[in-house]
Protein backbone atom coordinates (compact mmCIF):
# COMPACT_ATOMS: atom_id res chain seq x y z
CA MET A 1 2.54 17.94 12.81
CA VAL A 2 2.88 16.38 9.38
CA GLU A 3 -0.42 16.17 7.46
CA ILE A 4 -1.29 12.79 5.94
CA SER A 5 -3.53 11.86 3.01
CA VAL A 6 -4.88 8.31 2.76
CA ILE A 7 -5.98 7.12 -0.68
CA THR A 8 -8.46 4.27 -1.12
CA PRO A 9 -9.09 2.97 -4.65
CA CYS A 10 -12.60 1.50 -4.74
CA LEU A 11 -13.70 -0.29 -7.89
CA GLY A 12 -16.65 -2.21 -6.49
CA SER A 13 -15.53 -3.50 -3.09
CA GLY A 14 -18.91 -4.02 -1.47
CA ASP A 15 -19.42 -4.14 2.28
CA VAL A 16 -15.73 -4.38 3.23
CA LEU A 17 -15.21 -0.72 2.35
CA GLY A 18 -17.08 0.24 5.52
CA ASP A 19 -14.40 -1.40 7.70
CA CYS A 20 -11.69 0.47 5.80
CA ILE A 21 -13.41 3.84 6.17
CA ALA A 22 -14.20 3.29 9.86
CA SER A 23 -10.57 2.45 10.61
CA VAL A 24 -9.50 5.81 9.15
CA VAL A 25 -12.20 7.68 11.06
CA ARG A 26 -11.01 6.11 14.34
CA GLN A 27 -7.44 7.36 13.95
CA SER A 28 -6.20 9.64 16.74
CA LYS A 29 -4.33 11.56 14.04
CA ALA A 30 -6.82 13.08 11.60
CA ALA A 31 -6.11 12.52 7.92
CA GLU A 32 -7.43 13.57 4.56
CA HIS A 33 -9.19 10.49 3.17
CA LEU A 34 -9.70 10.31 -0.58
CA ILE A 35 -11.80 7.49 -2.02
CA VAL A 36 -11.39 7.04 -5.76
CA SER A 37 -14.58 5.25 -6.79
CA GLY A 38 -15.80 3.70 -9.99
CA ASP A 39 -19.32 3.39 -8.56
CA PRO A 40 -22.12 5.75 -9.61
CA GLU A 41 -22.09 9.11 -7.86
CA GLY A 42 -24.03 9.08 -4.61
CA SER A 43 -23.65 5.36 -3.90
CA LEU A 44 -21.21 6.01 -1.04
CA SER A 45 -23.12 8.77 0.73
CA ASP A 46 -24.98 6.44 3.10
CA LEU A 47 -21.80 4.55 3.98
CA LEU A 48 -19.91 7.77 4.71
CA SER A 49 -22.77 8.99 6.87
CA ARG A 50 -22.93 5.74 8.88
CA THR A 51 -19.20 5.77 9.58
CA GLY A 52 -19.06 9.49 10.35
CA SER A 53 -16.49 9.99 7.61
CA ASP A 54 -15.74 13.26 5.86
CA ALA A 55 -13.82 11.47 3.11
CA ARG A 56 -13.63 13.17 -0.25
CA VAL A 57 -14.90 10.93 -3.06
CA ILE A 58 -13.42 11.19 -6.54
CA TYR A 59 -15.66 9.54 -9.12
CA GLU A 60 -14.13 8.27 -12.33
CA LYS A 61 -14.72 5.49 -14.83
CA PRO A 62 -13.12 2.20 -13.74
CA SER A 63 -9.70 1.89 -15.35
CA GLY A 64 -7.76 -0.16 -12.80
CA ILE A 65 -6.36 0.14 -9.31
CA TYR A 66 -3.19 2.03 -10.15
CA PRO A 67 -4.76 4.71 -12.35
CA ALA A 68 -7.20 5.25 -9.46
CA ILE A 69 -4.31 5.59 -6.99
CA ASN A 70 -2.57 8.05 -9.29
CA SER A 71 -5.74 10.16 -9.45
CA GLY A 72 -5.83 10.19 -5.66
CA ILE A 73 -2.19 11.22 -5.38
CA GLN A 74 -2.73 14.09 -7.80
CA ALA A 75 -5.72 15.30 -5.77
CA ALA A 76 -4.11 14.86 -2.34
CA THR A 77 -3.06 17.85 -0.25
CA GLY A 78 -1.23 16.08 2.58
CA GLU A 79 2.54 16.19 2.88
CA VAL A 80 2.63 12.39 3.28
CA ILE A 81 0.55 9.89 1.31
CA GLY A 82 -0.49 6.36 2.25
CA ILE A 83 -2.51 3.81 0.28
CA LEU A 84 -5.23 1.80 2.06
CA HIS A 85 -7.13 -0.54 -0.23
CA ALA A 86 -10.85 -0.95 0.21
CA ASP A 87 -10.54 -4.41 1.80
CA ASP A 88 -7.74 -3.40 4.19
CA LEU A 89 -7.92 -1.59 7.52
CA TYR A 90 -5.77 -0.01 10.19
CA PRO A 91 -5.70 -2.38 13.19
CA SER A 92 -5.23 0.27 15.89
CA ASP A 93 -6.24 3.87 16.38
CA ASP A 94 -2.71 5.29 16.53
CA VAL A 95 -1.27 4.05 13.22
CA LEU A 96 -1.26 7.45 11.52
CA GLU A 97 -0.03 9.17 14.67
CA ARG A 98 3.02 6.88 14.72
CA VAL A 99 3.60 7.39 11.02
CA ALA A 100 3.41 11.18 11.40
CA ALA A 101 6.00 11.02 14.20
CA ILE A 102 8.41 9.23 11.84
CA PHE A 103 7.99 11.93 9.19
CA ALA A 104 8.69 14.70 11.71
CA ASP A 105 12.30 14.03 10.71
CA PRO A 106 12.77 15.95 7.42
CA ALA A 107 15.43 13.45 6.34
CA ILE A 108 12.77 10.72 6.10
CA SER A 109 10.95 10.53 2.78
CA ALA A 110 9.36 7.09 3.16
CA CYS A 111 8.39 4.63 5.85
CA TYR A 112 6.85 1.17 6.08
CA GLY A 113 5.94 -1.38 8.73
CA ASP A 114 4.63 -4.90 9.23
CA LEU A 115 1.38 -6.37 7.93
CA CYS A 116 -1.01 -9.11 9.02
CA TYR A 117 -3.20 -11.08 6.63
CA VAL A 118 -6.56 -11.71 8.25
CA ASP A 119 -9.58 -13.88 7.58
CA ALA A 120 -11.96 -12.25 5.10
CA GLN A 121 -14.99 -12.67 7.39
CA ASP A 122 -13.33 -12.40 10.82
CA THR A 123 -10.67 -9.70 10.62
CA ARG A 124 -9.61 -10.47 14.20
CA ARG A 125 -8.23 -13.84 13.07
CA ILE A 126 -4.67 -13.55 11.76
CA THR A 127 -3.71 -16.04 9.06
CA ARG A 128 -0.26 -14.76 8.02
CA TYR A 129 2.25 -12.28 9.39
CA TRP A 130 4.58 -10.28 7.16
CA ARG A 131 7.48 -8.99 9.22
CA ALA A 132 9.29 -6.63 6.88
CA GLY A 133 12.49 -6.00 8.80
CA GLU A 134 15.02 -3.21 8.50
CA PHE A 135 15.78 -1.79 5.07
CA ARG A 136 19.05 -2.50 3.33
CA PRO A 137 19.23 -1.76 -0.41
CA GLN A 138 20.78 -5.12 -1.31
CA ARG A 139 17.80 -6.98 0.19
CA PHE A 140 15.88 -6.15 -3.00
CA ARG A 141 18.36 -8.35 -4.88
CA HIS A 142 17.42 -11.28 -2.65
CA GLY A 143 13.68 -11.05 -3.32
CA TRP A 144 12.76 -8.65 -0.50
CA MET A 145 10.14 -5.93 -0.67
CA PRO A 146 8.18 -4.07 2.04
CA PRO A 147 4.41 -4.63 2.37
CA HIS A 148 2.94 -2.10 -0.01
CA PRO A 149 -0.19 -1.27 2.08
CA THR A 150 2.13 -0.12 4.89
CA PHE A 151 4.20 2.12 2.60
CA PHE A 152 3.97 5.88 3.12
CA LEU A 153 5.77 8.40 0.92
CA ARG A 154 6.11 12.17 0.88
CA ARG A 155 4.04 13.81 -1.85
CA SER A 156 7.14 15.75 -2.97
CA ILE A 157 8.86 12.45 -3.82
CA TYR A 158 6.00 11.45 -6.12
CA GLU A 159 6.33 14.87 -7.74
CA GLN A 160 10.08 14.39 -8.14
CA HIS A 161 10.26 10.74 -9.23
CA GLY A 162 6.84 9.97 -10.69
CA LEU A 163 3.64 8.09 -9.94
CA TYR A 164 2.69 4.42 -10.32
CA ARG A 165 3.34 2.93 -13.75
CA THR A 166 0.05 1.68 -15.16
CA ASP A 167 1.68 -0.64 -17.72
CA LEU A 168 3.06 -3.17 -15.23
CA GLY A 169 -0.13 -4.78 -13.93
CA THR A 170 0.11 -6.01 -10.35
CA ALA A 171 3.86 -5.27 -10.29
CA ALA A 172 3.19 -1.52 -10.24
CA ASP A 173 3.58 -1.31 -6.46
CA TYR A 174 6.80 -3.39 -6.54
CA GLU A 175 8.23 -1.17 -9.28
CA LEU A 176 7.38 2.02 -7.39
CA MET A 177 9.09 0.85 -4.19
CA LEU A 178 12.07 -0.50 -6.14
CA ARG A 179 12.37 2.86 -7.90
CA MET A 180 12.09 4.98 -4.77
CA LEU A 181 14.06 2.89 -2.29
CA TYR A 182 16.65 1.11 -4.42
CA ARG A 183 17.19 3.30 -7.48
CA HIS A 184 16.77 6.75 -5.92
CA ARG A 185 17.69 5.75 -2.33
CA VAL A 186 15.22 8.12 -0.67
CA GLY A 187 15.52 8.32 3.12
CA VAL A 188 13.41 5.52 4.61
CA ALA A 189 12.47 4.33 8.10
CA TYR A 190 11.12 0.98 9.25
CA LEU A 191 8.38 1.07 11.89
CA PRO A 192 8.52 -2.41 13.51
CA GLN A 193 4.81 -2.64 14.26
CA VAL A 194 1.75 -3.96 12.43
CA LEU A 195 0.33 -1.03 10.49
CA VAL A 196 -2.28 -2.76 8.30
CA HIS A 197 -4.60 -5.75 8.42
CA MET A 198 -5.13 -7.11 4.92
CA ARG A 199 -7.86 -9.55 3.96
CA GLY A 200 -6.46 -12.71 2.40
CA GLY A 201 -6.20 -13.01 -1.36
CA GLY A 202 -4.31 -11.05 -3.99
CA ALA A 203 -4.55 -10.87 -7.76
CA SER A 204 -0.87 -11.60 -8.38
CA ASN A 205 -1.03 -14.97 -6.59
CA ALA A 206 -4.52 -16.17 -7.55
CA THR A 207 -3.30 -18.84 -10.02
CA TRP A 208 -0.03 -20.21 -11.37
CA GLY A 209 -0.67 -18.25 -14.54
CA ALA A 210 -1.10 -15.06 -12.54
CA ARG A 211 2.12 -15.80 -10.63
CA LEU A 212 4.05 -16.29 -13.89
CA THR A 213 2.63 -13.05 -15.27
CA ALA A 214 3.58 -11.28 -12.04
CA ASN A 215 7.11 -12.69 -12.27
CA ARG A 216 7.46 -11.36 -15.82
CA MET A 217 6.21 -7.93 -14.75
CA ASP A 218 8.58 -7.96 -11.74
CA ARG A 219 11.45 -8.51 -14.16
CA GLU A 220 10.17 -5.62 -16.26
CA ALA A 221 10.18 -3.45 -13.12
CA TRP A 222 13.95 -3.88 -12.91
CA ARG A 223 14.45 -3.30 -16.64
CA VAL A 224 12.53 -0.01 -16.82
CA ASN A 225 14.72 1.31 -14.00
CA GLY A 226 17.92 0.35 -15.79
CA LEU A 227 18.67 -2.29 -13.13
CA ILE A 228 19.76 -5.91 -13.45
CA PRO A 229 18.61 -8.39 -10.77
CA TYR A 230 20.55 -11.45 -9.70
CA PRO A 231 19.52 -14.65 -11.54
CA TRP A 232 17.64 -15.80 -8.41
CA THR A 233 16.12 -12.47 -7.36
CA LEU A 234 12.63 -12.90 -8.79
CA ALA A 235 12.35 -16.60 -7.94
CA ALA A 236 13.24 -15.73 -4.34
CA LYS A 237 10.54 -13.05 -4.11
CA PRO A 238 7.50 -15.38 -3.76
CA MET A 239 9.56 -17.88 -1.72
CA ARG A 240 10.09 -15.26 0.98
CA LYS A 241 6.36 -15.45 1.71
CA VAL A 242 6.53 -19.05 2.94
CA SER A 243 7.65 -18.13 6.45
CA GLN A 244 4.65 -15.76 6.80
CA TRP A 245 2.40 -18.77 7.42
CA TRP A 246 3.94 -19.69 10.78
CA ARG A 247 5.19 -16.33 12.07
CA ARG A 248 3.03 -14.46 14.52
CA PRO A 249 3.24 -10.84 15.70
């Protein structure tokens, strides 16, 4: 079966990291777990021991989330790579097993699924539901994107088309998925199930200023790929999130 690597950038995430690690340990499909940490060496040893994790920790000076992810990708050995942030977790024990089954088809280079936002203290309480829906390239032009924490990609595609751009701030994940799915049209599958529980928050939406900066970087994501969005594309992108507040899985 397809081997999976899960990369967790950890730049000072406190207690929530334990939930993330435990959710990987519980998977019925074993995975290589790489934690890219900006904390002093040895600070994670107790946490790994308590969770029964054999995760490999890569220590490096804090330089941002996306440089940390890139370091993890370069160190990964799995055929397929997923990103699970330190404050996120897999909600069921068969997430990676289902993902591996999708990638058993050699024509599939990427897959994604649905995501639930959960309360920061009580991760059983769902606050928003992001139903991604089936992929069609033109949906990007109407503000669509898949939930990045649910996005899995073959390592060979990173090698062919590049890693995350570290000059686009919080739009780096949007640019990567735009590049892979829309520009290069890699084979992609939608798994219509909740793959990740994500604690509420998000740097790109913290303030109006952050949202404006994110919008500017989203526009840059199209430009660096030689693509031109519709006039309403980037305004529609945050508006698509409104319905997440009343949808339920």
